[in-house]
Amino acid sequence: MTAPISRDDARLCASVVKEVARAKGIANDPSAVGRLTVEIARLFNRGLREREELLKAAMDAL
C-alpha cells in the first residue's frame, strides 16, 4: 500500500483537476472528471510535483 499524500499535495492535485476540467468543458460530467482525477494522480505519482508541469501534462493527456 502506498503512503497517503500530504494535504498540500492533495490540494495541488484538486486545483489542477478543477482547472483542467473547466478548460476542457467537462466540469459537469462526473465520469469524465473521475477519469481526469485518475490521470492526474498517475502523473503525480510518476514524479510531476510542480503545478505547471502537472497542468501541462494533464492538458496534453486529454
PDB file of N, CA and C in Angstrom:
ATOM      1  N   MET A   1       0.845  -1.173   0.000  1.00  0.00           N
ATOM      2  CA  MET A   1       0.000   0.000   0.000  1.00  0.00           C
ATOM      3  C   MET A   1       0.891   1.237   0.000  1.00  0.00           C
ATOM      4  N   THR A   2       0.484   2.255  -0.733  1.00  0.00           N
ATOM      5  CA  THR A   2       1.269   3.478  -0.813  1.00  0.00           C
ATOM      6  C   THR A   2       0.937   4.400   0.358  1.00  0.00           C
ATOM      7  N   ALA A   3       1.873   5.254   0.671  1.00  0.00           N
ATOM      8  CA  ALA A   3       1.676   6.213   1.758  1.00  0.00           C
ATOM      9  C   ALA A   3       0.722   7.313   1.295  1.00  0.00           C
ATOM     10  N   PRO A   4      -0.106   7.802   2.188  1.00  0.00           N
ATOM     11  CA  PRO A   4      -1.014   8.889   1.813  1.00  0.00           C
ATOM     12  C   PRO A   4      -0.224  10.160   1.491  1.00  0.00           C
ATOM     13  N   ILE A   5      -0.791  10.973   0.610  1.00  0.00           N
ATOM     14  CA  ILE A   5      -0.110  12.213   0.244  1.00  0.00           C
ATOM     15  C   ILE A   5      -0.453  13.299   1.258  1.00  0.00           C
ATOM     16  N   SER A   6       0.360  14.333   1.266  1.00  0.00           N
ATOM     17  CA  SER A   6       0.125  15.418   2.223  1.00  0.00           C
ATOM     18  C   SER A   6      -1.101  16.227   1.812  1.00  0.00           C
ATOM     19  N   ARG A   7      -1.578  17.004   2.723  1.00  0.00           N
ATOM     20  CA  ARG A   7      -2.744  17.839   2.471  1.00  0.00           C
ATOM     21  C   ARG A   7      -2.456  18.851   1.358  1.00  0.00           C
ATOM     22  N   ASP A   8      -1.246  19.412   1.359  1.00  0.00           N
ATOM     23  CA  ASP A   8      -0.877  20.379   0.325  1.00  0.00           C
ATOM     24  C   ASP A   8      -0.815  19.726  -1.050  1.00  0.00           C
ATOM     25  N   ASP A   9      -0.290  18.503  -1.111  1.00  0.00           N
ATOM     26  CA  ASP A   9      -0.243  17.794  -2.389  1.00  0.00           C
ATOM     27  C   ASP A   9      -1.641  17.467  -2.890  1.00  0.00           C
ATOM     28  N   ALA A  10      -2.535  17.094  -1.982  1.00  0.00           N
ATOM     29  CA  ALA A  10      -3.924  16.812  -2.363  1.00  0.00           C
ATOM     30  C   ALA A  10      -4.600  18.067  -2.897  1.00  0.00           C
ATOM     31  N   ARG A  11      -4.324  19.192  -2.278  1.00  0.00           N
ATOM     32  CA  ARG A  11      -4.903  20.458  -2.749  1.00  0.00           C
ATOM     33  C   ARG A  11      -4.362  20.836  -4.130  1.00  0.00           C
ATOM     34  N   LEU A  12      -3.071  20.585  -4.334  1.00  0.00           N
ATOM     35  CA  LEU A  12      -2.462  20.841  -5.637  1.00  0.00           C
ATOM     36  C   LEU A  12      -3.164  20.023  -6.713  1.00  0.00           C
ATOM     37  N   CYS A  13      -3.317  18.736  -6.476  1.00  0.00           N
ATOM     38  CA  CYS A  13      -3.968  17.868  -7.459  1.00  0.00           C
ATOM     39  C   CYS A  13      -5.413  18.290  -7.702  1.00  0.00           C
ATOM     40  N   ALA A  14      -6.134  18.608  -6.640  1.00  0.00           N
ATOM     41  CA  ALA A  14      -7.524  19.027  -6.777  1.00  0.00           C
ATOM     42  C   ALA A  14      -7.647  20.317  -7.582  1.00  0.00           C
ATOM     43  N   SER A  15      -6.740  21.256  -7.362  1.00  0.00           N
ATOM     44  CA  SER A  15      -6.817  22.513  -8.107  1.00  0.00           C
ATOM     45  C   SER A  15      -6.498  22.294  -9.582  1.00  0.00           C
ATOM     46  N   VAL A  16      -5.587  21.369  -9.870  1.00  0.00           N
ATOM     47  CA  VAL A  16      -5.276  21.058 -11.268  1.00  0.00           C
ATOM     48  C   VAL A  16      -6.470  20.367 -11.926  1.00  0.00           C
ATOM     49  N   VAL A  17      -7.132  19.465 -11.202  1.00  0.00           N
ATOM     50  CA  VAL A  17      -8.333  18.804 -11.737  1.00  0.00           C
ATOM     51  C   VAL A  17      -9.388  19.846 -12.073  1.00  0.00           C
ATOM     52  N   LYS A  18      -9.634  20.774 -11.169  1.00  0.00           N
ATOM     53  CA  LYS A  18     -10.639  21.813 -11.407  1.00  0.00           C
ATOM     54  C   LYS A  18     -10.299  22.660 -12.623  1.00  0.00           C
ATOM     55  N   GLU A  19      -9.052  23.077 -12.712  1.00  0.00           N
ATOM     56  CA  GLU A  19      -8.652  23.955 -13.806  1.00  0.00           C
ATOM     57  C   GLU A  19      -8.745  23.251 -15.154  1.00  0.00           C
ATOM     58  N   VAL A  20      -8.274  22.021 -15.235  1.00  0.00           N
ATOM     59  CA  VAL A  20      -8.321  21.279 -16.496  1.00  0.00           C
ATOM     60  C   VAL A  20      -9.764  20.970 -16.873  1.00  0.00           C
ATOM     61  N   ALA A  21     -10.582  20.576 -15.901  1.00  0.00           N
ATOM     62  CA  ALA A  21     -11.986  20.261 -16.177  1.00  0.00           C
ATOM     63  C   ALA A  21     -12.725  21.468 -16.735  1.00  0.00           C
ATOM     64  N   ARG A  22     -12.469  22.626 -16.165  1.00  0.00           N
ATOM     65  CA  ARG A  22     -13.114  23.842 -16.682  1.00  0.00           C
ATOM     66  C   ARG A  22     -12.616  24.182 -18.075  1.00  0.00           C
ATOM     67  N   ALA A  23     -11.320  24.057 -18.290  1.00  0.00           N
ATOM     68  CA  ALA A  23     -10.737  24.400 -19.589  1.00  0.00           C
ATOM     69  C   ALA A  23     -11.227  23.462 -20.690  1.00  0.00           C
ATOM     70  N   LYS A  24     -11.411  22.198 -20.352  1.00  0.00           N
ATOM     71  CA  LYS A  24     -11.850  21.210 -21.338  1.00  0.00           C
ATOM     72  C   LYS A  24     -13.376  21.122 -21.452  1.00  0.00           C
ATOM     73  N   GLY A  25     -14.096  21.806 -20.574  1.00  0.00           N
ATOM     74  CA  GLY A  25     -15.552  21.811 -20.619  1.00  0.00           C
ATOM     75  C   GLY A  25     -16.187  20.530 -20.099  1.00  0.00           C
ATOM     76  N   ILE A  26     -15.511  19.853 -19.180  1.00  0.00           N
ATOM     77  CA  ILE A  26     -16.049  18.605 -18.645  1.00  0.00           C
ATOM     78  C   ILE A  26     -16.402  18.714 -17.164  1.00  0.00           C
ATOM     79  N   ALA A  27     -16.480  19.916 -16.659  1.00  0.00           N
ATOM     80  CA  ALA A  27     -16.694  20.114 -15.225  1.00  0.00           C
ATOM     81  C   ALA A  27     -18.029  19.538 -14.748  1.00  0.00           C
ATOM     82  N   ASN A  28     -19.013  19.414 -15.616  1.00  0.00           N
ATOM     83  CA  ASN A  28     -20.329  18.905 -15.219  1.00  0.00           C
ATOM     84  C   ASN A  28     -20.534  17.439 -15.562  1.00  0.00           C
ATOM     85  N   ASP A  29     -19.483  16.750 -15.971  1.00  0.00           N
ATOM     86  CA  ASP A  29     -19.554  15.330 -16.310  1.00  0.00           C
ATOM     87  C   ASP A  29     -18.767  14.533 -15.269  1.00  0.00           C
ATOM     88  N   PRO A  30     -19.454  13.931 -14.299  1.00  0.00           N
ATOM     89  CA  PRO A  30     -18.756  13.247 -13.206  1.00  0.00           C
ATOM     90  C   PRO A  30     -17.814  12.134 -13.660  1.00  0.00           C
ATOM     91  N   SER A  31     -18.191  11.368 -14.668  1.00  0.00           N
ATOM     92  CA  SER A  31     -17.318  10.280 -15.091  1.00  0.00           C
ATOM     93  C   SER A  31     -16.054  10.818 -15.754  1.00  0.00           C
ATOM     94  N   ALA A  32     -16.176  11.891 -16.514  1.00  0.00           N
ATOM     95  CA  ALA A  32     -15.002  12.497 -17.150  1.00  0.00           C
ATOM     96  C   ALA A  32     -14.078  13.115 -16.099  1.00  0.00           C
ATOM     97  N   VAL A  33     -14.652  13.732 -15.095  1.00  0.00           N
ATOM     98  CA  VAL A  33     -13.846  14.303 -14.016  1.00  0.00           C
ATOM     99  C   VAL A  33     -13.146  13.184 -13.239  1.00  0.00           C
ATOM    100  N   GLY A  34     -13.812  12.067 -13.066  1.00  0.00           N
ATOM    101  CA  GLY A  34     -13.199  10.924 -12.399  1.00  0.00           C
ATOM    102  C   GLY A  34     -12.006  10.385 -13.175  1.00  0.00           C
ATOM    103  N   ARG A  35     -12.161  10.257 -14.502  1.00  0.00           N
ATOM    104  CA  ARG A  35     -11.045   9.804 -15.330  1.00  0.00           C
ATOM    105  C   ARG A  35      -9.899  10.804 -15.286  1.00  0.00           C
ATOM    106  N   LEU A  36     -10.228  12.085 -15.291  1.00  0.00           N
ATOM    107  CA  LEU A  36      -9.209  13.127 -15.193  1.00  0.00           C
ATOM    108  C   LEU A  36      -8.475  13.043 -13.861  1.00  0.00           C
ATOM    109  N   THR A  37      -9.197  12.817 -12.792  1.00  0.00           N
ATOM    110  CA  THR A  37      -8.598  12.696 -11.471  1.00  0.00           C
ATOM    111  C   THR A  37      -7.609  11.533 -11.421  1.00  0.00           C
ATOM    112  N   VAL A  38      -7.990  10.413 -12.000  1.00  0.00           N
ATOM    113  CA  VAL A  38      -7.099   9.249 -12.032  1.00  0.00           C
ATOM    114  C   VAL A  38      -5.854   9.565 -12.843  1.00  0.00           C
ATOM    115  N   GLU A  39      -6.017  10.233 -13.971  1.00  0.00           N
ATOM    116  CA  GLU A  39      -4.864  10.573 -14.811  1.00  0.00           C
ATOM    117  C   GLU A  39      -3.913  11.517 -14.080  1.00  0.00           C
ATOM    118  N   ILE A  40      -4.452  12.500 -13.385  1.00  0.00           N
ATOM    119  CA  ILE A  40      -3.610  13.437 -12.640  1.00  0.00           C
ATOM    120  C   ILE A  40      -2.907  12.721 -11.488  1.00  0.00           C
ATOM    121  N   ALA A  41      -3.579  11.794 -10.835  1.00  0.00           N
ATOM    122  CA  ALA A  41      -2.944  11.018  -9.765  1.00  0.00           C
ATOM    123  C   ALA A  41      -1.788  10.193 -10.323  1.00  0.00           C
ATOM    124  N   ARG A  42      -1.971   9.613 -11.490  1.00  0.00           N
ATOM    125  CA  ARG A  42      -0.882   8.846 -12.110  1.00  0.00           C
ATOM    126  C   ARG A  42       0.304   9.741 -12.445  1.00  0.00           C
ATOM    127  N   LEU A  43       0.018  10.901 -13.003  1.00  0.00           N
ATOM    128  CA  LEU A  43       1.094  11.839 -13.334  1.00  0.00           C
ATOM    129  C   LEU A  43       1.828  12.279 -12.067  1.00  0.00           C
ATOM    130  N   PHE A  44       1.079  12.550 -11.021  1.00  0.00           N
ATOM    131  CA  PHE A  44       1.679  12.969  -9.747  1.00  0.00           C
ATOM    132  C   PHE A  44       2.573  11.858  -9.202  1.00  0.00           C
ATOM    133  N   ASN A  45       2.095  10.638  -9.254  1.00  0.00           N
ATOM    134  CA  ASN A  45       2.876   9.509  -8.741  1.00  0.00           C
ATOM    135  C   ASN A  45       4.102   9.211  -9.590  1.00  0.00           C
ATOM    136  N   ARG A  46       4.096   9.629 -10.838  1.00  0.00           N
ATOM    137  CA  ARG A  46       5.260   9.446 -11.702  1.00  0.00           C
ATOM    138  C   ARG A  46       6.320  10.521 -11.465  1.00  0.00           C
ATOM    139  N   GLY A  47       6.013  11.485 -10.625  1.00  0.00           N
ATOM    140  CA  GLY A  47       7.032  12.460 -10.257  1.00  0.00           C
ATOM    141  C   GLY A  47       6.762  13.888 -10.674  1.00  0.00           C
ATOM    142  N   LEU A  48       5.637  14.159 -11.309  1.00  0.00           N
ATOM    143  CA  LEU A  48       5.315  15.543 -11.675  1.00  0.00           C
ATOM    144  C   LEU A  48       4.737  16.230 -10.439  1.00  0.00           C
ATOM    145  N   ARG A  49       5.560  16.984  -9.744  1.00  0.00           N
ATOM    146  CA  ARG A  49       5.147  17.596  -8.478  1.00  0.00           C
ATOM    147  C   ARG A  49       4.958  19.104  -8.577  1.00  0.00           C
ATOM    148  N   GLU A  50       5.410  19.721  -9.639  1.00  0.00           N
ATOM    149  CA  GLU A  50       5.234  21.164  -9.814  1.00  0.00           C
ATOM    150  C   GLU A  50       3.912  21.432 -10.529  1.00  0.00           C
ATOM    151  N   ARG A  51       3.234  22.480 -10.109  1.00  0.00           N
ATOM    152  CA  ARG A  51       1.905  22.794 -10.650  1.00  0.00           C
ATOM    153  C   ARG A  51       1.908  22.953 -12.163  1.00  0.00           C
ATOM    154  N   GLU A  52       2.843  23.715 -12.686  1.00  0.00           N
ATOM    155  CA  GLU A  52       2.868  23.980 -14.124  1.00  0.00           C
ATOM    156  C   GLU A  52       3.141  22.713 -14.933  1.00  0.00           C
ATOM    157  N   GLU A  53       4.065  21.882 -14.454  1.00  0.00           N
ATOM    158  CA  GLU A  53       4.358  20.619 -15.139  1.00  0.00           C
ATOM    159  C   GLU A  53       3.135  19.702 -15.135  1.00  0.00           C
ATOM    160  N   LEU A  54       2.493  19.607 -13.983  1.00  0.00           N
ATOM    161  CA  LEU A  54       1.328  18.749 -13.840  1.00  0.00           C
ATOM    162  C   LEU A  54       0.176  19.249 -14.702  1.00  0.00           C
ATOM    163  N   LEU A  55      -0.024  20.546 -14.727  1.00  0.00           N
ATOM    164  CA  LEU A  55      -1.086  21.138 -15.525  1.00  0.00           C
ATOM    165  C   LEU A  55      -0.854  20.908 -17.019  1.00  0.00           C
ATOM    166  N   LYS A  56       0.352  21.124 -17.478  1.00  0.00           N
ATOM    167  CA  LYS A  56       0.669  20.931 -18.895  1.00  0.00           C
ATOM    168  C   LYS A  56       0.504  19.469 -19.303  1.00  0.00           C
ATOM    169  N   ALA A  57       1.003  18.557 -18.479  1.00  0.00           N
ATOM    170  CA  ALA A  57       0.897  17.131 -18.800  1.00  0.00           C
ATOM    171  C   ALA A  57      -0.570  16.679 -18.798  1.00  0.00           C
ATOM    172  N   ALA A  58      -1.357  17.198 -17.892  1.00  0.00           N
ATOM    173  CA  ALA A  58      -2.781  16.824 -17.828  1.00  0.00           C
ATOM    174  C   ALA A  58      -3.529  17.373 -19.042  1.00  0.00           C
ATOM    175  N   MET A  59      -3.218  18.582 -19.454  1.00  0.00           N
ATOM    176  CA  MET A  59      -3.877  19.152 -20.638  1.00  0.00           C
ATOM    177  C   MET A  59      -3.495  18.365 -21.889  1.00  0.00           C
ATOM    178  N   ASP A  60      -2.244  17.934 -21.984  1.00  0.00           N
ATOM    179  CA  ASP A  60      -1.797  17.153 -23.140  1.00  0.00           C
ATOM    180  C   ASP A  60      -2.380  15.752 -23.147  1.00  0.00           C
ATOM    181  N   ALA A  61      -2.648  15.205 -21.960  1.00  0.00           N
ATOM    182  CA  ALA A  61      -3.153  13.835 -21.852  1.00  0.00           C
ATOM    183  C   ALA A  61      -4.588  13.717 -22.348  1.00  0.00           C
ATOM    184  N   LEU A  62      -5.333  14.802 -22.289  1.00  0.00           N
ATOM    185  CA  LEU A  62      -6.742  14.748 -22.700  1.00  0.00           C
ATOM    186  C   LEU A  62      -6.978  15.265 -24.057  1.00  0.00           C
TER     187      LEU A  62
END
